C-alpha cells in the first residue's frame, strides 16, 4: 500500500499539469498566453506587496533585538504556568502571529533542546501546526488588495491565535501528560 501511495504522489502533479494543458487546448484556450498573462499579474502583485513585507520584517527584528520579547516573556511566563504550559513555549507563541519562519526557527530550537517526544516538543509542534501567521496574512492579503482599515481583523486573528494556543495546551496535556 505504501508503494502505491508513493507512486501516486510522484505522478500526481505531472498528471494534473498534463490534464490542465489538455483541457485548455480542447476548449480552445491559448494556454501559454494565459500562463504568461497570469505570471505578469503575479509579478505586479509581488511588487505591490514588497513594502508591506519589508515593514513587517523590520518590525519583527526590532521587537526581538530590542529585548522587548524577553521582557514580555518574563512578565507573562508565570501566567502560562497556571495553564499547565512551560514558559519556554512563550517565545514561539509570540512569534507565531508575526512570522512563520521565526516561529519555526524557535520551534526547531525547542525541539532540538528538549527532544521531539518531550512535552515541550509535542506542545510546540501542535501549536505550530494549528495556528497561522495573523500579521503576515493581514499584511500580504490586505496589502495586496489595498485595504487600509483592518477593523476587527487583527482582534479576530489574535483571538484565534490565543484560542489555538490554549487548545494546544489542553489537547497535548490531556493526551501526553
N, C-alpha and C. Protein backbone atom coordinates (compact mmCIF):
# COMPACT_ATOMS: atom_id res chain seq x y z
N UNK A 1 0.82 -1.20 0.00
CA UNK A 1 0.00 0.00 0.00
C UNK A 1 0.86 1.26 0.00
N UNK A 2 1.94 1.23 0.81
CA UNK A 2 2.84 2.37 0.90
C UNK A 2 3.50 2.66 -0.45
N UNK A 3 3.83 1.60 -1.19
CA UNK A 3 4.45 1.77 -2.50
C UNK A 3 3.47 2.40 -3.49
N UNK A 4 2.21 2.04 -3.40
CA UNK A 4 1.18 2.60 -4.28
C UNK A 4 1.01 4.09 -3.99
N UNK A 5 0.92 4.45 -2.73
CA UNK A 5 0.78 5.85 -2.35
C UNK A 5 2.01 6.65 -2.78
N UNK A 6 3.18 6.07 -2.63
CA UNK A 6 4.42 6.74 -3.05
C UNK A 6 4.43 6.98 -4.55
N UNK A 7 4.03 5.97 -5.32
CA UNK A 7 4.00 6.12 -6.78
C UNK A 7 2.96 7.15 -7.20
N UNK A 8 1.79 7.13 -6.56
CA UNK A 8 0.75 8.11 -6.88
C UNK A 8 1.20 9.53 -6.57
N UNK A 9 1.89 9.70 -5.44
CA UNK A 9 2.32 11.04 -5.06
C UNK A 9 3.38 11.58 -6.01
N UNK A 10 4.19 10.71 -6.57
CA UNK A 10 5.22 11.16 -7.51
C UNK A 10 4.62 11.62 -8.83
N UNK A 11 3.52 11.02 -9.22
CA UNK A 11 2.93 11.32 -10.52
C UNK A 11 1.72 12.25 -10.46
N UNK A 12 1.23 12.59 -9.29
CA UNK A 12 0.01 13.39 -9.17
C UNK A 12 0.14 14.76 -9.83
N UNK A 13 1.18 15.49 -9.53
CA UNK A 13 1.33 16.84 -10.08
C UNK A 13 1.61 16.82 -11.58
N UNK A 14 2.53 15.99 -12.08
CA UNK A 14 2.71 15.96 -13.54
C UNK A 14 1.44 15.58 -14.30
N UNK A 15 0.70 14.61 -13.78
CA UNK A 15 -0.55 14.21 -14.44
C UNK A 15 -1.55 15.36 -14.40
N UNK A 16 -1.66 16.05 -13.27
CA UNK A 16 -2.56 17.19 -13.15
C UNK A 16 -2.20 18.27 -14.17
N UNK A 17 -0.91 18.57 -14.31
CA UNK A 17 -0.49 19.59 -15.28
C UNK A 17 -0.84 19.19 -16.71
N UNK A 18 -0.64 17.94 -17.04
CA UNK A 18 -0.99 17.46 -18.39
C UNK A 18 -2.50 17.56 -18.62
N UNK A 19 -3.29 17.18 -17.63
CA UNK A 19 -4.75 17.26 -17.75
C UNK A 19 -5.18 18.71 -17.95
N UNK A 20 -4.61 19.64 -17.20
CA UNK A 20 -4.96 21.06 -17.34
C UNK A 20 -4.59 21.56 -18.74
N UNK A 21 -3.39 21.21 -19.21
CA UNK A 21 -2.97 21.63 -20.55
C UNK A 21 -3.88 21.05 -21.63
N UNK A 22 -4.23 19.78 -21.50
CA UNK A 22 -5.11 19.15 -22.48
C UNK A 22 -6.51 19.76 -22.44
N UNK A 23 -7.05 19.99 -21.25
CA UNK A 23 -8.38 20.58 -21.13
C UNK A 23 -8.40 21.99 -21.72
N UNK A 24 -7.35 22.77 -21.47
CA UNK A 24 -7.27 24.11 -22.04
C UNK A 24 -7.18 24.07 -23.56
N UNK A 25 -6.39 23.16 -24.07
CA UNK A 25 -6.24 23.04 -25.52
C UNK A 25 -7.54 22.60 -26.17
N UNK A 26 -8.23 21.64 -25.58
CA UNK A 26 -9.50 21.15 -26.12
C UNK A 26 -10.54 22.27 -26.12
N UNK A 27 -10.54 23.10 -25.10
CA UNK A 27 -11.51 24.22 -25.01
C UNK A 27 -11.11 25.41 -25.87
N UNK A 28 -9.95 25.36 -26.50
CA UNK A 28 -9.52 26.44 -27.36
C UNK A 28 -8.85 27.60 -26.64
N UNK A 29 -8.40 27.37 -25.42
CA UNK A 29 -7.70 28.41 -24.65
C UNK A 29 -6.26 28.46 -25.12
N UNK A 30 -5.76 29.67 -25.29
CA UNK A 30 -4.35 29.83 -25.64
C UNK A 30 -3.57 29.71 -24.34
N UNK A 31 -3.16 28.49 -24.02
CA UNK A 31 -2.64 28.13 -22.72
C UNK A 31 -1.37 28.92 -22.38
N UNK A 32 -0.43 28.98 -23.27
CA UNK A 32 0.82 29.68 -22.97
C UNK A 32 0.58 31.16 -22.74
N UNK A 33 -0.24 31.77 -23.57
CA UNK A 33 -0.53 33.19 -23.42
C UNK A 33 -1.25 33.47 -22.09
N UNK A 34 -2.17 32.58 -21.71
CA UNK A 34 -2.87 32.73 -20.44
C UNK A 34 -1.89 32.60 -19.28
N UNK A 35 -0.94 31.67 -19.40
CA UNK A 35 0.07 31.49 -18.36
C UNK A 35 0.93 32.74 -18.22
N UNK A 36 1.39 33.28 -19.35
CA UNK A 36 2.24 34.48 -19.32
C UNK A 36 1.48 35.66 -18.73
N UNK A 37 0.21 35.81 -19.08
CA UNK A 37 -0.61 36.90 -18.54
C UNK A 37 -0.76 36.76 -17.02
N UNK A 38 -1.00 35.56 -16.54
CA UNK A 38 -1.11 35.32 -15.10
C UNK A 38 0.20 35.58 -14.39
N UNK A 39 1.32 35.18 -15.00
CA UNK A 39 2.63 35.43 -14.40
C UNK A 39 2.90 36.93 -14.32
N UNK A 40 2.50 37.67 -15.33
CA UNK A 40 2.68 39.13 -15.33
C UNK A 40 1.86 39.77 -14.20
N UNK A 41 0.63 39.34 -14.04
CA UNK A 41 -0.20 39.87 -12.95
C UNK A 41 0.39 39.50 -11.58
N UNK A 42 0.91 38.29 -11.46
CA UNK A 42 1.53 37.86 -10.21
C UNK A 42 2.77 38.68 -9.87
N UNK A 43 3.56 39.00 -10.87
CA UNK A 43 4.75 39.83 -10.65
C UNK A 43 4.35 41.22 -10.18
N UNK A 44 3.34 41.78 -10.82
CA UNK A 44 2.85 43.10 -10.42
C UNK A 44 2.35 43.09 -8.98
N UNK A 45 1.67 42.03 -8.59
CA UNK A 45 1.17 41.90 -7.23
C UNK A 45 2.33 41.79 -6.25
N UNK A 46 3.36 41.04 -6.61
CA UNK A 46 4.52 40.88 -5.73
C UNK A 46 5.21 42.23 -5.51
N UNK A 47 5.37 43.01 -6.55
CA UNK A 47 5.98 44.33 -6.42
C UNK A 47 5.13 45.22 -5.52
N UNK A 48 3.83 45.09 -5.60
CA UNK A 48 2.92 45.91 -4.82
C UNK A 48 2.99 45.61 -3.33
N UNK A 49 3.23 44.35 -2.95
CA UNK A 49 3.22 43.99 -1.53
C UNK A 49 4.59 44.03 -0.88
N UNK A 50 5.65 44.22 -1.63
CA UNK A 50 7.00 44.24 -1.05
C UNK A 50 7.14 45.26 0.08
N UNK A 51 6.66 46.51 -0.07
CA UNK A 51 6.81 47.46 1.06
C UNK A 51 6.15 46.98 2.35
N UNK A 52 5.01 46.33 2.25
CA UNK A 52 4.34 45.81 3.43
C UNK A 52 5.16 44.71 4.10
N UNK A 53 5.73 43.82 3.30
CA UNK A 53 6.53 42.73 3.85
C UNK A 53 7.81 43.25 4.49
N UNK A 54 8.46 44.23 3.85
CA UNK A 54 9.69 44.81 4.42
C UNK A 54 9.38 45.47 5.76
N UNK A 55 8.29 46.22 5.83
CA UNK A 55 7.91 46.87 7.08
C UNK A 55 7.67 45.85 8.18
N UNK A 56 7.02 44.75 7.86
CA UNK A 56 6.73 43.72 8.85
C UNK A 56 8.02 43.06 9.33
N UNK A 57 8.93 42.76 8.42
CA UNK A 57 10.20 42.12 8.79
C UNK A 57 11.02 43.04 9.69
N UNK A 58 11.07 44.32 9.37
CA UNK A 58 11.80 45.28 10.19
C UNK A 58 11.19 45.35 11.60
N UNK A 59 9.86 45.41 11.68
CA UNK A 59 9.19 45.48 12.98
C UNK A 59 9.50 44.24 13.82
N UNK A 60 9.49 43.06 13.22
CA UNK A 60 9.79 41.82 13.94
C UNK A 60 11.22 41.85 14.47
N UNK A 61 12.15 42.27 13.62
CA UNK A 61 13.55 42.32 14.05
C UNK A 61 13.77 43.33 15.17
N UNK A 62 13.09 44.46 15.12
CA UNK A 62 13.20 45.45 16.19
C UNK A 62 12.63 44.87 17.49
N UNK A 63 11.50 44.19 17.40
CA UNK A 63 10.88 43.58 18.58
C UNK A 63 11.81 42.59 19.25
N UNK A 64 12.48 41.78 18.46
CA UNK A 64 13.38 40.77 19.03
C UNK A 64 14.69 41.39 19.51
N UNK A 65 15.30 42.27 18.70
CA UNK A 65 16.61 42.83 19.02
C UNK A 65 16.56 43.79 20.20
N UNK A 66 15.44 44.45 20.40
CA UNK A 66 15.33 45.43 21.48
C UNK A 66 15.23 44.79 22.85
N UNK A 67 14.95 43.52 22.89
CA UNK A 67 14.77 42.83 24.17
C UNK A 67 13.33 42.86 24.65
N UNK A 68 12.45 43.48 23.87
CA UNK A 68 11.04 43.57 24.26
C UNK A 68 10.42 42.18 24.38
N UNK A 69 10.81 41.26 23.51
CA UNK A 69 10.25 39.92 23.59
C UNK A 69 10.68 39.24 24.89
N UNK A 70 11.94 39.41 25.29
CA UNK A 70 12.42 38.79 26.52
C UNK A 70 11.70 39.37 27.75
N UNK A 71 11.46 40.67 27.74
CA UNK A 71 10.74 41.30 28.85
C UNK A 71 9.31 40.77 28.92
N UNK A 72 8.68 40.67 27.77
CA UNK A 72 7.30 40.18 27.71
C UNK A 72 7.22 38.73 28.18
N UNK A 73 8.18 37.92 27.75
CA UNK A 73 8.22 36.51 28.16
C UNK A 73 8.38 36.41 29.68
N UNK A 74 9.25 37.23 30.24
CA UNK A 74 9.46 37.22 31.69
C UNK A 74 8.21 37.62 32.46
N UNK A 75 7.44 38.56 31.90
CA UNK A 75 6.24 39.03 32.59
C UNK A 75 5.07 38.06 32.46
N UNK A 76 4.93 37.42 31.32
CA UNK A 76 3.77 36.56 31.04
C UNK A 76 4.04 35.09 31.39
N UNK A 77 5.30 34.71 31.52
CA UNK A 77 5.65 33.32 31.80
C UNK A 77 4.90 32.69 32.97
N UNK A 78 4.81 33.38 34.11
CA UNK A 78 4.08 32.78 35.25
C UNK A 78 2.60 32.53 34.95
N UNK A 79 1.99 33.38 34.15
CA UNK A 79 0.58 33.19 33.79
C UNK A 79 0.41 31.91 32.96
N UNK A 80 1.36 31.67 32.06
CA UNK A 80 1.30 30.48 31.22
C UNK A 80 1.44 29.21 32.06
N UNK A 81 2.25 29.30 33.12
CA UNK A 81 2.44 28.16 34.02
C UNK A 81 1.12 27.77 34.69
N UNK A 82 0.27 28.76 34.94
CA UNK A 82 -1.05 28.48 35.55
C UNK A 82 -1.90 27.59 34.65
N UNK A 83 -1.69 27.69 33.32
CA UNK A 83 -2.44 26.87 32.37
C UNK A 83 -1.78 25.51 32.15
N UNK A 84 -0.69 25.25 32.86
CA UNK A 84 -0.03 23.96 32.75
C UNK A 84 0.97 23.88 31.61
N UNK A 85 1.36 25.02 31.08
CA UNK A 85 2.31 25.03 29.97
C UNK A 85 3.65 25.60 30.43
N UNK A 86 4.72 25.04 29.94
CA UNK A 86 6.03 25.57 30.31
C UNK A 86 6.26 26.94 29.65
N UNK A 87 6.88 27.88 30.37
CA UNK A 87 7.11 29.22 29.81
C UNK A 87 8.06 29.22 28.61
N UNK A 88 8.78 28.13 28.39
CA UNK A 88 9.70 28.06 27.25
C UNK A 88 8.99 28.20 25.91
N UNK A 89 7.70 27.87 25.86
CA UNK A 89 6.99 27.95 24.58
C UNK A 89 6.47 29.36 24.27
N UNK A 90 6.58 30.27 25.23
CA UNK A 90 6.05 31.62 25.04
C UNK A 90 6.70 32.38 23.87
N UNK A 91 8.03 32.31 23.69
CA UNK A 91 8.59 32.99 22.50
C UNK A 91 7.96 32.49 21.19
N UNK A 92 7.69 31.19 21.13
CA UNK A 92 7.03 30.66 19.94
C UNK A 92 5.62 31.21 19.80
N UNK A 93 4.89 31.24 20.92
CA UNK A 93 3.52 31.74 20.88
C UNK A 93 3.48 33.22 20.48
N UNK A 94 4.48 33.98 20.87
CA UNK A 94 4.53 35.39 20.49
C UNK A 94 4.93 35.58 19.02
N UNK A 95 5.83 34.74 18.54
CA UNK A 95 6.33 34.90 17.18
C UNK A 95 5.37 34.33 16.13
N UNK A 96 4.57 33.35 16.49
CA UNK A 96 3.71 32.68 15.51
C UNK A 96 2.77 33.64 14.79
N UNK A 97 2.12 34.59 15.46
CA UNK A 97 1.26 35.51 14.71
C UNK A 97 2.04 36.47 13.81
N UNK A 98 3.33 36.62 14.06
CA UNK A 98 4.13 37.59 13.31
C UNK A 98 4.84 36.98 12.11
N UNK A 99 5.50 35.85 12.34
CA UNK A 99 6.34 35.29 11.28
C UNK A 99 6.39 33.78 11.39
N UNK A 100 6.00 33.11 10.34
CA UNK A 100 6.05 31.66 10.33
C UNK A 100 7.47 31.14 10.37
N UNK A 101 8.38 31.82 9.67
CA UNK A 101 9.78 31.40 9.66
C UNK A 101 10.43 31.54 11.01
N UNK A 102 10.19 32.68 11.68
CA UNK A 102 10.75 32.88 13.01
C UNK A 102 10.17 31.88 14.00
N UNK A 103 8.87 31.64 13.92
CA UNK A 103 8.22 30.68 14.81
C UNK A 103 8.76 29.26 14.56
N UNK A 104 8.97 28.92 13.31
CA UNK A 104 9.52 27.60 13.01
C UNK A 104 10.94 27.47 13.53
N UNK A 105 11.71 28.55 13.45
CA UNK A 105 13.06 28.53 14.00
C UNK A 105 13.05 28.32 15.51
N UNK A 106 12.16 29.01 16.20
CA UNK A 106 12.05 28.84 17.65
C UNK A 106 11.57 27.43 17.98
N UNK A 107 10.61 26.92 17.22
CA UNK A 107 10.12 25.55 17.44
C UNK A 107 11.25 24.54 17.23
N UNK A 108 12.04 24.75 16.21
CA UNK A 108 13.17 23.85 15.93
C UNK A 108 14.17 23.87 17.08
N UNK A 109 14.47 25.06 17.60
CA UNK A 109 15.39 25.16 18.73
C UNK A 109 14.85 24.43 19.96
N UNK A 110 13.55 24.61 20.23
CA UNK A 110 12.95 23.94 21.39
C UNK A 110 12.95 22.42 21.21
N UNK A 111 12.67 21.95 20.01
CA UNK A 111 12.66 20.51 19.76
C UNK A 111 14.06 19.94 19.86
N UNK A 112 15.06 20.67 19.36
CA UNK A 112 16.44 20.20 19.47
C UNK A 112 16.90 20.16 20.93
N UNK A 113 16.46 21.15 21.72
CA UNK A 113 16.88 21.23 23.11
C UNK A 113 16.17 20.20 23.99
N UNK A 114 14.86 20.04 23.79
CA UNK A 114 14.08 19.17 24.69
C UNK A 114 13.72 17.82 24.09
N UNK A 115 13.84 17.68 22.79
CA UNK A 115 13.51 16.42 22.13
C UNK A 115 12.13 16.46 21.50
N UNK A 116 11.94 15.75 20.39
CA UNK A 116 10.66 15.79 19.68
C UNK A 116 9.53 15.10 20.44
N UNK A 117 9.85 14.16 21.31
CA UNK A 117 8.82 13.43 22.05
C UNK A 117 8.60 13.99 23.46
N UNK A 118 9.29 15.08 23.78
CA UNK A 118 9.09 15.71 25.09
C UNK A 118 7.77 16.48 25.09
N UNK A 119 7.31 16.83 26.28
CA UNK A 119 6.07 17.61 26.38
C UNK A 119 6.21 18.93 25.63
N UNK A 120 7.35 19.60 25.79
CA UNK A 120 7.57 20.88 25.11
C UNK A 120 7.62 20.67 23.59
N UNK A 121 8.30 19.61 23.15
CA UNK A 121 8.37 19.32 21.72
C UNK A 121 7.00 19.05 21.12
N UNK A 122 6.20 18.25 21.81
CA UNK A 122 4.86 17.96 21.33
C UNK A 122 3.97 19.20 21.35
N UNK A 123 4.10 19.99 22.39
CA UNK A 123 3.29 21.19 22.52
C UNK A 123 3.62 22.22 21.46
N UNK A 124 4.89 22.48 21.24
CA UNK A 124 5.28 23.48 20.24
C UNK A 124 4.96 22.99 18.83
N UNK A 125 5.05 21.69 18.59
CA UNK A 125 4.68 21.15 17.28
C UNK A 125 3.19 21.30 17.02
N UNK A 126 2.39 21.03 18.04
CA UNK A 126 0.94 21.17 17.91
C UNK A 126 0.55 22.62 17.69
N UNK A 127 1.17 23.52 18.44
CA UNK A 127 0.88 24.95 18.29
C UNK A 127 1.32 25.46 16.92
N UNK A 128 2.44 24.99 16.43
CA UNK A 128 2.95 25.41 15.11
C UNK A 128 1.98 24.98 14.02
N UNK A 129 1.44 23.79 14.14
CA UNK A 129 0.56 23.28 13.10
C UNK A 129 -0.88 23.72 13.20
N UNK A 130 -1.27 24.32 14.32
CA UNK A 130 -2.68 24.65 14.48
C UNK A 130 -2.99 26.14 14.45
N UNK A 131 -2.00 26.96 14.16
CA UNK A 131 -2.25 28.40 14.09
C UNK A 131 -1.67 28.97 12.81
N UNK A 132 -1.95 30.23 12.59
CA UNK A 132 -1.46 30.87 11.37
C UNK A 132 -0.74 32.16 11.73
N UNK A 133 -0.10 32.73 10.76
CA UNK A 133 0.66 33.97 10.95
C UNK A 133 -0.26 35.15 10.68
N UNK A 134 -0.98 35.56 11.69
CA UNK A 134 -2.02 36.59 11.56
C UNK A 134 -1.51 37.85 10.88
N UNK A 135 -0.43 38.42 11.39
CA UNK A 135 0.04 39.69 10.84
C UNK A 135 0.59 39.53 9.43
N UNK A 136 1.20 38.37 9.14
CA UNK A 136 1.68 38.12 7.79
C UNK A 136 0.50 38.04 6.82
N UNK A 137 -0.53 37.31 7.22
CA UNK A 137 -1.72 37.18 6.37
C UNK A 137 -2.37 38.54 6.14
N UNK A 138 -2.51 39.33 7.21
CA UNK A 138 -3.10 40.66 7.05
C UNK A 138 -2.24 41.55 6.15
N UNK A 139 -0.94 41.50 6.37
CA UNK A 139 -0.03 42.31 5.56
C UNK A 139 -0.10 41.90 4.10
N UNK A 140 0.00 40.63 3.85
CA UNK A 140 0.05 40.14 2.48
C UNK A 140 -1.28 40.34 1.76
N UNK A 141 -2.35 39.83 2.32
CA UNK A 141 -3.62 39.86 1.61
C UNK A 141 -4.28 41.23 1.63
N UNK A 142 -4.28 41.88 2.77
CA UNK A 142 -4.90 43.20 2.83
C UNK A 142 -4.06 44.20 2.03
N UNK A 143 -2.73 44.07 2.12
CA UNK A 143 -1.86 44.96 1.34
C UNK A 143 -2.01 44.73 -0.15
N UNK A 144 -2.22 43.49 -0.55
CA UNK A 144 -2.33 43.17 -1.97
C UNK A 144 -3.56 43.80 -2.61
N UNK A 145 -4.63 43.90 -1.85
CA UNK A 145 -5.87 44.47 -2.41
C UNK A 145 -6.11 45.90 -1.97
N UNK A 146 -5.17 46.45 -1.20
CA UNK A 146 -5.24 47.86 -0.85
C UNK A 146 -6.15 48.21 0.32
N UNK A 147 -6.45 47.25 1.19
CA UNK A 147 -7.28 47.54 2.36
C UNK A 147 -6.41 48.23 3.41
N UNK A 148 -6.82 49.37 3.87
CA UNK A 148 -6.04 50.14 4.85
C UNK A 148 -6.65 50.07 6.25
N UNK A 149 -7.94 49.84 6.36
CA UNK A 149 -8.62 49.76 7.66
C UNK A 149 -8.94 48.30 7.96
N UNK A 150 -8.20 47.75 8.89
CA UNK A 150 -8.35 46.33 9.21
C UNK A 150 -9.56 46.04 10.08
N UNK A 151 -10.09 47.04 10.74
CA UNK A 151 -11.23 46.92 11.65
C UNK A 151 -11.03 45.81 12.66
N UNK A 152 -11.80 44.78 12.55
CA UNK A 152 -11.78 43.70 13.55
C UNK A 152 -10.88 42.54 13.15
N UNK A 153 -10.20 42.65 12.04
CA UNK A 153 -9.40 41.53 11.56
C UNK A 153 -8.24 41.20 12.50
N UNK A 154 -7.57 42.22 13.02
CA UNK A 154 -6.45 41.97 13.93
C UNK A 154 -6.94 41.31 15.21
N UNK A 155 -7.99 41.86 15.80
CA UNK A 155 -8.53 41.28 17.05
C UNK A 155 -9.02 39.85 16.81
N UNK A 156 -9.68 39.61 15.70
CA UNK A 156 -10.17 38.26 15.40
C UNK A 156 -9.02 37.29 15.21
N UNK A 157 -8.01 37.72 14.48
CA UNK A 157 -6.86 36.86 14.24
C UNK A 157 -6.10 36.54 15.52
N UNK A 158 -5.87 37.55 16.36
CA UNK A 158 -5.16 37.32 17.62
C UNK A 158 -5.98 36.48 18.58
N UNK A 159 -7.29 36.64 18.56
CA UNK A 159 -8.16 35.78 19.38
C UNK A 159 -8.06 34.34 18.92
N UNK A 160 -8.03 34.13 17.62
CA UNK A 160 -7.87 32.78 17.08
C UNK A 160 -6.51 32.21 17.47
N UNK A 161 -5.46 33.03 17.43
CA UNK A 161 -4.13 32.56 17.83
C UNK A 161 -4.11 32.15 19.30
N UNK A 162 -4.72 32.95 20.15
CA UNK A 162 -4.78 32.63 21.58
C UNK A 162 -5.59 31.35 21.81
N UNK A 163 -6.68 31.22 21.09
CA UNK A 163 -7.53 30.03 21.21
C UNK A 163 -6.77 28.78 20.80
N UNK A 164 -6.03 28.85 19.70
CA UNK A 164 -5.26 27.67 19.25
C UNK A 164 -4.14 27.34 20.23
N UNK A 165 -3.54 28.36 20.85
CA UNK A 165 -2.51 28.10 21.85
C UNK A 165 -3.11 27.37 23.05
N UNK A 166 -4.22 27.89 23.56
CA UNK A 166 -4.87 27.25 24.71
C UNK A 166 -5.37 25.85 24.37
N UNK A 167 -5.92 25.69 23.18
CA UNK A 167 -6.39 24.36 22.75
C UNK A 167 -5.21 23.40 22.62
N UNK A 168 -4.09 23.88 22.11
CA UNK A 168 -2.90 23.03 22.01
C UNK A 168 -2.45 22.56 23.38
N UNK A 169 -2.44 23.50 24.33
CA UNK A 169 -2.05 23.15 25.70
C UNK A 169 -2.99 22.10 26.28
N UNK A 170 -4.30 22.32 26.12
CA UNK A 170 -5.28 21.38 26.66
C UNK A 170 -5.17 20.00 26.01
N UNK A 171 -5.08 19.96 24.70
CA UNK A 171 -5.03 18.68 23.98
C UNK A 171 -3.75 17.91 24.29
N UNK A 172 -2.62 18.59 24.22
CA UNK A 172 -1.35 17.89 24.47
C UNK A 172 -1.27 17.44 25.93
N UNK A 173 -1.77 18.26 26.85
CA UNK A 173 -1.78 17.87 28.25
C UNK A 173 -2.69 16.66 28.47
N UNK A 174 -3.86 16.68 27.85
CA UNK A 174 -4.82 15.57 28.01
C UNK A 174 -4.29 14.27 27.42
N UNK A 175 -3.60 14.36 26.32
CA UNK A 175 -3.16 13.14 25.64
C UNK A 175 -1.81 12.64 26.12
N UNK A 176 -0.87 13.54 26.39
CA UNK A 176 0.51 13.12 26.62
C UNK A 176 1.00 13.29 28.05
N UNK A 177 0.21 13.85 28.95
CA UNK A 177 0.70 14.01 30.32
C UNK A 177 0.01 13.10 31.26
